Protein backbone atom coordinates (compact mmCIF):
# COMPACT_ATOMS: atom_id res chain seq x y z
CA MET A 1 -12.21 25.97 -2.01
CA THR A 2 -15.95 25.63 -1.54
CA GLU A 3 -16.83 25.22 2.14
CA VAL A 4 -18.14 21.74 2.88
CA ASP A 5 -18.73 19.56 5.91
CA LEU A 6 -15.75 17.24 6.35
CA TYR A 7 -18.01 14.28 7.13
CA ASN A 8 -21.27 13.68 5.29
CA LEU A 9 -22.58 10.15 5.72
CA SER A 10 -25.70 10.55 3.56
CA PRO A 11 -24.21 8.83 0.46
CA THR A 12 -22.70 5.92 2.44
CA LEU A 13 -25.20 3.26 1.35
CA ARG A 14 -24.89 4.24 -2.31
CA LEU A 15 -21.11 4.15 -2.05
CA LEU A 16 -21.24 0.71 -0.47
CA GLY A 17 -23.47 -0.37 -3.33
CA MET A 18 -20.89 0.89 -5.82
CA GLY A 19 -18.18 -1.11 -4.08
CA VAL A 20 -20.29 -4.27 -4.12
CA LEU A 21 -21.09 -3.83 -7.83
CA ILE A 22 -17.41 -3.39 -8.68
CA ALA A 23 -16.50 -6.52 -6.70
CA LEU A 24 -19.34 -8.74 -7.98
CA LEU A 25 -18.11 -9.11 -11.56
CA PRO A 26 -14.61 -10.47 -10.74
CA LEU A 27 -16.08 -12.44 -7.84
CA ALA A 28 -18.67 -14.09 -10.11
CA TRP A 29 -15.99 -14.91 -12.69
CA THR A 30 -13.75 -16.40 -10.00
CA LEU A 31 -16.53 -18.57 -8.59
CA TYR A 32 -17.56 -19.71 -12.07
CA SER A 33 -14.03 -20.65 -13.08
CA SER A 34 -13.59 -22.70 -9.90
CA ARG A 35 -17.11 -24.14 -9.84
CA ASN A 36 -15.90 -27.75 -9.95
CA GLN A 37 -13.29 -27.26 -7.23
CA PRO A 38 -13.66 -28.07 -3.49
CA VAL A 39 -14.63 -25.34 -1.08
CA ASN A 40 -11.10 -24.57 0.09
CA SER A 41 -9.96 -24.12 -3.54
CA LYS A 42 -12.79 -21.69 -4.18
CA LEU A 43 -11.89 -19.67 -1.10
CA ARG A 44 -8.25 -19.65 -2.15
CA ALA A 45 -9.26 -18.29 -5.56
CA ILE A 46 -11.23 -15.51 -3.84
CA THR A 47 -8.23 -14.74 -1.62
CA VAL A 48 -5.95 -14.50 -4.66
CA LEU A 49 -8.48 -12.19 -6.34
CA THR A 50 -8.62 -10.01 -3.22
CA LEU A 51 -4.83 -9.82 -3.06
CA PHE A 52 -4.67 -8.83 -6.73
CA LEU A 53 -7.25 -6.06 -6.30
CA THR A 54 -5.57 -4.88 -3.09
CA PHE A 55 -2.27 -4.53 -4.95
CA ASP A 56 -4.15 -2.52 -7.60
CA LEU A 57 -5.62 -0.41 -4.81
CA VAL A 58 -2.17 0.37 -3.40
CA LEU A 59 -0.97 1.37 -6.88
CA PHE A 60 -4.02 3.54 -7.45
CA GLY A 61 -3.59 5.10 -4.02
CA SER A 62 -0.07 6.05 -5.05
CA PHE A 63 -1.41 7.45 -8.32
CA THR A 64 -4.00 9.46 -6.35
CA ARG A 65 -1.31 10.96 -4.12
CA LEU A 66 1.15 11.65 -6.93
CA THR A 67 -1.47 13.46 -9.05
CA ASP A 68 -2.38 15.64 -6.02
CA SER A 69 -5.89 14.17 -6.04
CA GLY A 70 -6.06 13.33 -2.33
CA LEU A 71 -8.40 16.29 -1.75
CA GLY A 72 -10.20 15.97 -5.08
CA CYS A 73 -13.33 15.51 -2.97
CA PRO A 74 -12.76 17.47 0.26
CA ASP A 75 -15.33 15.56 2.33
CA TRP A 76 -15.80 11.89 3.26
CA PRO A 77 -17.02 9.36 2.26
CA GLY A 78 -18.68 10.95 -0.78
CA CYS A 79 -17.99 13.97 -2.93
CA TYR A 80 -19.74 17.10 -1.63
CA GLY A 81 -22.34 14.78 -0.13
CA SER A 82 -22.90 12.88 -3.40
CA ALA A 83 -22.01 9.31 -4.28
CA SER A 84 -20.03 10.43 -7.35
CA PRO A 85 -18.61 13.63 -8.88
CA ILE A 86 -21.61 13.69 -11.23
CA GLY A 87 -23.81 14.87 -8.38
CA ALA A 88 -21.21 17.41 -7.28
CA VAL A 89 -20.65 19.18 -10.61
CA ALA A 90 -21.75 22.60 -9.34
CA HIS A 91 -19.50 22.43 -6.27
CA ILE A 92 -16.52 21.22 -8.28
CA ASP A 93 -17.09 23.91 -10.92
CA ALA A 94 -17.09 26.58 -8.22
CA ALA A 95 -13.92 25.24 -6.59
CA GLN A 96 -12.14 24.85 -9.93
CA THR A 97 -13.12 28.38 -11.01
CA ALA A 98 -11.76 29.80 -7.77
CA MET A 99 -8.51 27.78 -8.01
CA PRO A 100 -8.00 26.33 -11.53
CA THR A 101 -4.89 24.41 -10.46
CA GLY A 102 -6.06 23.78 -6.90
CA PRO A 103 -6.81 20.52 -5.12
CA VAL A 104 -10.38 20.23 -6.45
CA THR A 105 -10.91 19.69 -10.17
CA HIS A 106 -13.17 17.34 -12.10
CA SER A 107 -10.33 14.95 -12.99
CA LYS A 108 -8.98 14.90 -9.44
CA ALA A 109 -12.46 14.31 -8.02
CA TRP A 110 -12.90 11.26 -10.25
CA ILE A 111 -9.47 9.91 -9.35
CA GLU A 112 -10.23 10.27 -5.64
CA MET A 113 -13.66 8.66 -5.91
CA ILE A 114 -12.44 5.74 -8.03
CA HIS A 115 -9.89 5.09 -5.30
CA ARG A 116 -12.69 5.01 -2.74
CA TYR A 117 -14.86 2.73 -4.89
CA LEU A 118 -11.99 0.27 -5.30
CA ALA A 119 -11.30 0.37 -1.54
CA MET A 120 -14.92 -0.52 -0.82
CA ALA A 121 -14.78 -3.36 -3.35
CA VAL A 122 -11.73 -4.79 -1.60
CA GLY A 123 -13.46 -4.41 1.77
CA PHE A 124 -16.50 -6.30 0.46
CA LEU A 125 -14.35 -9.18 -0.80
CA ILE A 126 -12.58 -9.42 2.55
CA LEU A 127 -15.99 -9.51 4.27
CA VAL A 128 -17.00 -12.36 1.95
CA LEU A 129 -13.85 -14.24 2.92
CA ALA A 130 -14.45 -13.73 6.64
CA LEU A 131 -18.08 -14.84 6.52
CA SER A 132 -17.48 -17.74 4.12
CA SER A 133 -14.51 -19.15 6.01
CA THR A 134 -16.37 -18.95 9.32
CA TRP A 135 -19.48 -20.60 7.83
CA GLN A 136 -17.54 -23.40 6.17
CA ARG A 137 -15.45 -24.04 9.27
CA TRP A 138 -18.64 -24.24 11.36
CA LYS A 139 -20.18 -26.71 8.90
CA GLY A 140 -16.96 -28.70 8.70
CA GLN A 141 -16.78 -28.56 4.91
CA PHE A 142 -13.05 -27.92 4.57
CA SER A 143 -10.85 -30.51 2.90
CA PHE A 144 -7.87 -31.07 5.14
CA ASN A 145 -5.09 -33.62 4.48
CA GLY A 146 -2.53 -30.90 3.82
CA ALA A 147 -4.73 -28.87 1.45
CA TRP A 148 -4.76 -25.09 1.52
CA GLN A 149 -7.38 -23.61 3.82
CA VAL A 150 -8.38 -20.12 4.83
CA LYS A 151 -8.21 -19.45 8.56
CA PRO A 152 -11.24 -17.54 9.90
CA PHE A 153 -9.02 -15.76 12.45
CA TRP A 154 -6.80 -14.34 9.70
CA ALA A 155 -9.79 -13.42 7.55
CA TRP A 156 -11.42 -11.49 10.39
CA LEU A 157 -8.09 -9.84 11.29
CA THR A 158 -7.79 -8.73 7.68
CA LEU A 159 -11.34 -7.34 7.80
CA PHE A 160 -10.49 -5.37 10.94
CA TRP A 161 -7.33 -4.11 9.25
CA VAL A 162 -9.16 -2.91 6.14
CA CYS A 163 -11.70 -1.10 8.32
CA MET A 164 -8.83 0.69 10.04
CA GLN A 165 -7.50 1.55 6.60
CA GLY A 166 -10.85 3.13 5.79
CA ALA A 167 -10.60 5.22 8.96
CA PHE A 168 -7.12 6.43 8.00
CA GLY A 169 -8.42 7.17 4.51
CA ALA A 170 -11.07 9.41 6.04
CA LEU A 171 -8.48 11.15 8.23
CA THR A 172 -6.26 11.68 5.19
CA VAL A 173 -9.00 13.87 3.73
CA THR A 174 -10.34 15.53 6.85
CA LEU A 175 -6.86 16.35 8.23
CA LYS A 176 -5.83 17.85 4.87
CA LEU A 177 -3.10 15.36 3.92
CA SER A 178 -1.33 15.36 7.26
CA PRO A 179 2.04 13.68 6.52
CA ALA A 180 1.78 11.36 9.54
CA ILE A 181 -1.70 10.15 8.56
CA VAL A 182 -0.84 9.72 4.87
CA THR A 183 2.29 7.76 5.80
CA LEU A 184 0.32 5.51 8.16
CA HIS A 185 -2.29 5.02 5.44
CA LEU A 186 0.38 3.82 3.00
CA LEU A 187 1.94 1.54 5.62
CA GLY A 188 -1.53 0.16 6.34
CA GLY A 189 -1.93 -0.69 2.66
CA ILE A 190 1.39 -2.55 2.71
CA GLY A 191 0.23 -4.34 5.85
CA LEU A 192 -2.94 -5.42 4.08
CA LEU A 193 -0.83 -6.90 1.27
CA VAL A 194 1.21 -8.80 3.86
CA LEU A 195 -1.88 -10.23 5.57
CA LEU A 196 -3.41 -11.41 2.30
CA SER A 197 -0.07 -12.72 0.98
CA ALA A 198 0.40 -14.77 4.16
CA GLN A 199 -3.00 -16.37 3.57
CA VAL A 200 -2.38 -17.09 -0.12
CA ALA A 201 1.14 -18.44 0.50
CA TRP A 202 0.16 -20.69 3.42
CA LYS A 203 1.39 -24.27 3.22
CA PRO A 204 1.36 -27.03 5.86
CA SER A 205 4.64 -27.55 7.69
CA SER A 206 5.38 -30.75 5.78
CA GLN A 207 5.48 -28.84 2.47
CA ARG A 208 7.79 -26.03 3.59
CA GLN A 209 11.51 -25.92 2.94
CA THR A 210 13.61 -26.47 6.03
CA ILE A 211 16.19 -23.70 6.53
CA GLY A 212 18.60 -22.73 9.28
CA LYS A 213 17.68 -20.36 12.07
CA PHE A 214 20.19 -17.80 10.78
CA HIS A 215 18.59 -17.71 7.33
CA ARG A 216 15.12 -17.37 8.84
CA GLN A 217 16.35 -14.47 10.96
CA LEU A 218 17.74 -12.83 7.82
CA ILE A 219 14.24 -12.82 6.30
CA TRP A 220 12.70 -11.28 9.42
CA ALA A 221 15.44 -8.64 9.59
CA ALA A 222 14.99 -7.83 5.90
CA ALA A 223 11.24 -7.38 6.48
CA ALA A 224 11.90 -5.05 9.43
CA PHE A 225 14.46 -2.95 7.55
CA LEU A 226 12.24 -2.79 4.46
CA THR A 227 9.27 -1.64 6.56
CA LEU A 228 11.38 1.18 7.97
CA GLN A 229 12.56 2.12 4.48
CA ILE A 230 8.99 2.13 3.16
CA ALA A 231 8.06 4.48 6.01
CA PHE A 232 10.94 6.79 5.06
CA GLY A 233 9.88 6.61 1.41
CA ALA A 234 6.29 7.45 2.32
CA TRP A 235 7.58 10.37 4.39
CA VAL A 236 9.51 11.63 1.34
CA SER A 237 6.44 11.35 -0.88
CA THR A 238 3.94 12.84 1.55
CA ASN A 239 6.23 15.83 2.18
CA TYR A 240 6.85 16.25 -1.56
CA ALA A 241 10.59 15.93 -1.00
CA VAL A 242 11.35 13.66 -3.98
CA LEU A 243 13.08 16.46 -5.90
CA ALA A 244 14.66 18.12 -2.85
CA CYS A 245 17.91 16.42 -3.87
CA THR A 246 18.88 16.74 -7.52
CA GLY A 247 21.67 14.69 -8.97
CA PHE A 248 23.01 11.29 -8.01
CA PRO A 249 24.95 10.09 -6.11
CA ASP A 250 25.53 13.62 -4.81
CA CYS A 251 22.69 15.81 -3.55
CA ASN A 252 22.49 19.29 -5.04
CA GLY A 253 26.19 19.13 -5.75
CA GLN A 254 27.05 18.11 -2.19
CA TRP A 255 28.08 14.72 -0.84
CA TRP A 256 26.83 15.55 2.66
CA PRO A 257 24.20 18.32 2.65
CA ALA A 258 23.33 20.50 5.64
CA TRP A 259 20.88 18.87 8.05
CA ASN A 260 17.60 20.21 9.42
CA PHE A 261 15.44 17.78 11.38
CA GLN A 262 12.28 19.91 11.47
CA GLY A 263 10.97 17.75 8.65
CA PHE A 264 10.93 14.75 10.98
CA GLU A 265 8.47 16.29 13.43
CA ILE A 266 5.60 13.81 13.27
CA TRP A 267 2.44 15.70 14.20
CA ARG A 268 2.36 18.72 11.94
CA GLY A 269 0.62 19.94 8.81
CA LEU A 270 1.77 19.53 5.24
CA GLY A 271 4.64 21.89 4.43
CA ILE A 272 4.85 23.40 7.92
CA ASP A 273 6.55 22.58 11.21
CA SER A 274 4.88 21.99 14.56
CA LYS A 275 4.82 25.78 15.18
CA GLY A 276 3.03 26.50 11.92
CA GLN A 277 6.09 27.91 10.14
CA TYR A 278 6.94 26.88 6.59
CA LEU A 279 9.52 24.12 6.38
CA PRO A 280 12.91 25.32 5.11
CA MET A 281 14.38 23.63 2.06
CA GLU A 282 17.07 22.05 4.24
CA ALA A 283 14.36 20.08 6.05
CA LEU A 284 13.09 18.57 2.79
CA VAL A 285 16.67 17.78 1.74
CA SER A 286 17.20 15.97 5.04
CA ILE A 287 14.03 13.92 4.55
CA HIS A 288 15.18 12.90 1.09
CA PHE A 289 18.78 12.17 2.11
CA VAL A 290 17.77 9.91 5.01
CA HIS A 291 15.77 7.82 2.54
CA ARG A 292 18.85 7.55 0.33
CA LEU A 293 21.08 6.49 3.21
CA MET A 294 18.55 3.88 4.34
CA ALA A 295 18.28 2.61 0.77
CA LEU A 296 22.05 2.07 0.69
CA PHE A 297 21.83 0.06 3.92
CA VAL A 298 18.84 -2.02 2.75
CA PHE A 299 20.45 -2.86 -0.60
CA SER A 300 23.70 -3.83 1.12
CA PHE A 301 21.84 -6.07 3.57
CA ALA A 302 19.78 -7.59 0.75
CA ALA A 303 22.93 -8.34 -1.25
CA ILE A 304 24.38 -10.28 1.70
CA MET A 305 21.09 -12.11 2.23
CA LEU A 306 20.74 -13.06 -1.45
CA TRP A 307 24.34 -14.31 -1.54
CA GLN A 308 23.71 -16.45 1.56
CA PHE A 309 20.50 -17.87 0.11
CA LYS A 310 22.05 -18.64 -3.25
CA LYS A 311 25.00 -20.36 -1.60
CA ALA A 312 22.67 -22.53 0.50
CA ASP A 313 20.13 -23.06 -2.34
CA ILE A 314 17.30 -21.70 -0.20
CA LEU A 315 13.97 -20.87 -1.88
CA PRO A 316 15.68 -20.36 -5.26
CA GLY A 317 12.56 -19.18 -7.10
CA LEU A 318 11.64 -16.57 -4.52
CA THR A 319 15.28 -15.51 -4.23
CA ARG A 320 15.36 -14.72 -7.96
CA VAL A 321 12.09 -12.79 -7.64
CA LEU A 322 13.53 -10.79 -4.75
CA PHE A 323 16.64 -9.94 -6.78
CA ALA A 324 14.52 -8.80 -9.75
CA LEU A 325 12.32 -6.61 -7.54
CA LEU A 326 15.32 -5.01 -5.84
CA THR A 327 16.75 -4.20 -9.27
CA LEU A 328 13.42 -2.65 -10.26
CA GLN A 329 13.40 -0.56 -7.08
CA LEU A 330 16.88 0.71 -7.80
CA ILE A 331 15.93 1.70 -11.36
CA THR A 332 12.66 3.40 -10.45
CA GLY A 333 14.19 5.13 -7.43
CA LEU A 334 17.02 6.57 -9.50
CA SER A 335 14.69 7.61 -12.31
CA ASN A 336 12.57 9.59 -9.85
CA VAL A 337 15.61 11.77 -9.15
CA VAL A 338 17.40 11.78 -12.50
CA LEU A 339 14.26 12.11 -14.66
CA ASP A 340 12.43 14.55 -12.35
CA TRP A 341 9.87 12.20 -10.82
CA PRO A 342 8.06 10.63 -13.81
CA LEU A 343 4.60 9.45 -12.76
CA LEU A 344 4.97 5.88 -14.06
CA ALA A 345 8.29 5.35 -12.26
CA ALA A 346 6.94 6.85 -9.03
CA VAL A 347 3.88 4.57 -9.04
CA ALA A 348 6.07 1.57 -9.92
CA HIS A 349 8.37 2.43 -7.01
CA THR A 350 5.46 2.14 -4.59
CA GLY A 351 4.30 -1.06 -6.25
CA GLY A 352 7.81 -2.48 -6.03
CA ALA A 353 7.92 -1.81 -2.30
CA GLY A 354 4.65 -3.68 -1.86
CA ALA A 355 5.85 -6.57 -4.03
CA LEU A 356 9.07 -6.84 -1.99
CA MET A 357 7.07 -7.17 1.24
CA MET A 358 4.83 -9.76 -0.40
CA THR A 359 7.90 -11.76 -1.50
CA LEU A 360 9.41 -11.72 1.98
CA THR A 361 6.03 -12.84 3.35
CA TYR A 362 6.06 -15.75 0.89
CA MET A 363 9.58 -16.65 2.04
CA LEU A 364 8.45 -16.82 5.64
CA SER A 365 5.31 -18.79 4.74
CA ARG A 366 7.19 -21.31 2.59
CA SER A 367 10.01 -22.07 5.05
CA LYS A 368 10.51 -23.44 8.52
CA ILE A 369 13.44 -23.61 10.94
CA GLN A 370 15.55 -26.75 10.94
CA ARG A 371 15.18 -28.57 14.24
């Protein structure tokens, strides 16, 4: 690979400009379509737009990882110091000639940079939300009386979160796809979906369904277990352990494969252990099998939760959505193993995980404990 400085901030302003340009068109359309609405309705429309683009960003981030494009541009924030792969043609040509199937190719460079452009567009929209909500709150222009309203605190928290996501995105490149950093980057993307979903789903207490404390605790427990399972899934993906187990429900012809926990060492490089030795196949099998076992637990817990909610007629619409998404996760998860990791199913599996967390966030935002 062509030697390059890991950090080159010279194209930063041009990259920010690209992000703003990408965000302006949907932002202008959103403002135009809600031009006759009150201020809080306009801000809600912008929040929904930001959530939609953030979900797209998570999907495209998965696509970037699954196509091995995470190092398509080996520096940050640009591509060989340029704002796009167009200005880095000579560098990319040299890297591709040296390693035709390596991490740097023209297609991978474009995939990586489009991911960065979209991330900057999302960051710009969140900045707009933070500034607009603060300005409108200061001027007292919100319509209250139970209407939806954006909270400046949550908008600024989301802005801080997306900035941290940018930092992890930089470390993903500069630390050469360190599994711990890539996993944290994916979890951060899911967290961003949760923050935005909580803002979109907000309703005043009087408009929320009253549920028992036990049912509310079930939602929180499901969110905790799902977060852990997403972390295990990210660990499988970042260690390229999806195909370490072939066959289902057995694993490589075994019901209980041999264990090797070297794969669960956190601070290490991709494909190696903390001592710099290559990971044995048993370590990848263990990573994969833990994800399977956790999936069995999560699905069993979800089945109990859905049965309890259906019996008590709690949030029926969201309960049906949750059931549909769990079914989708089961199908895409199995297809990754049985069909040898098809790209569409793998991307959909990540998207399904994000959608599940968004649904649980909606459940929490649309319910309250019975007093």
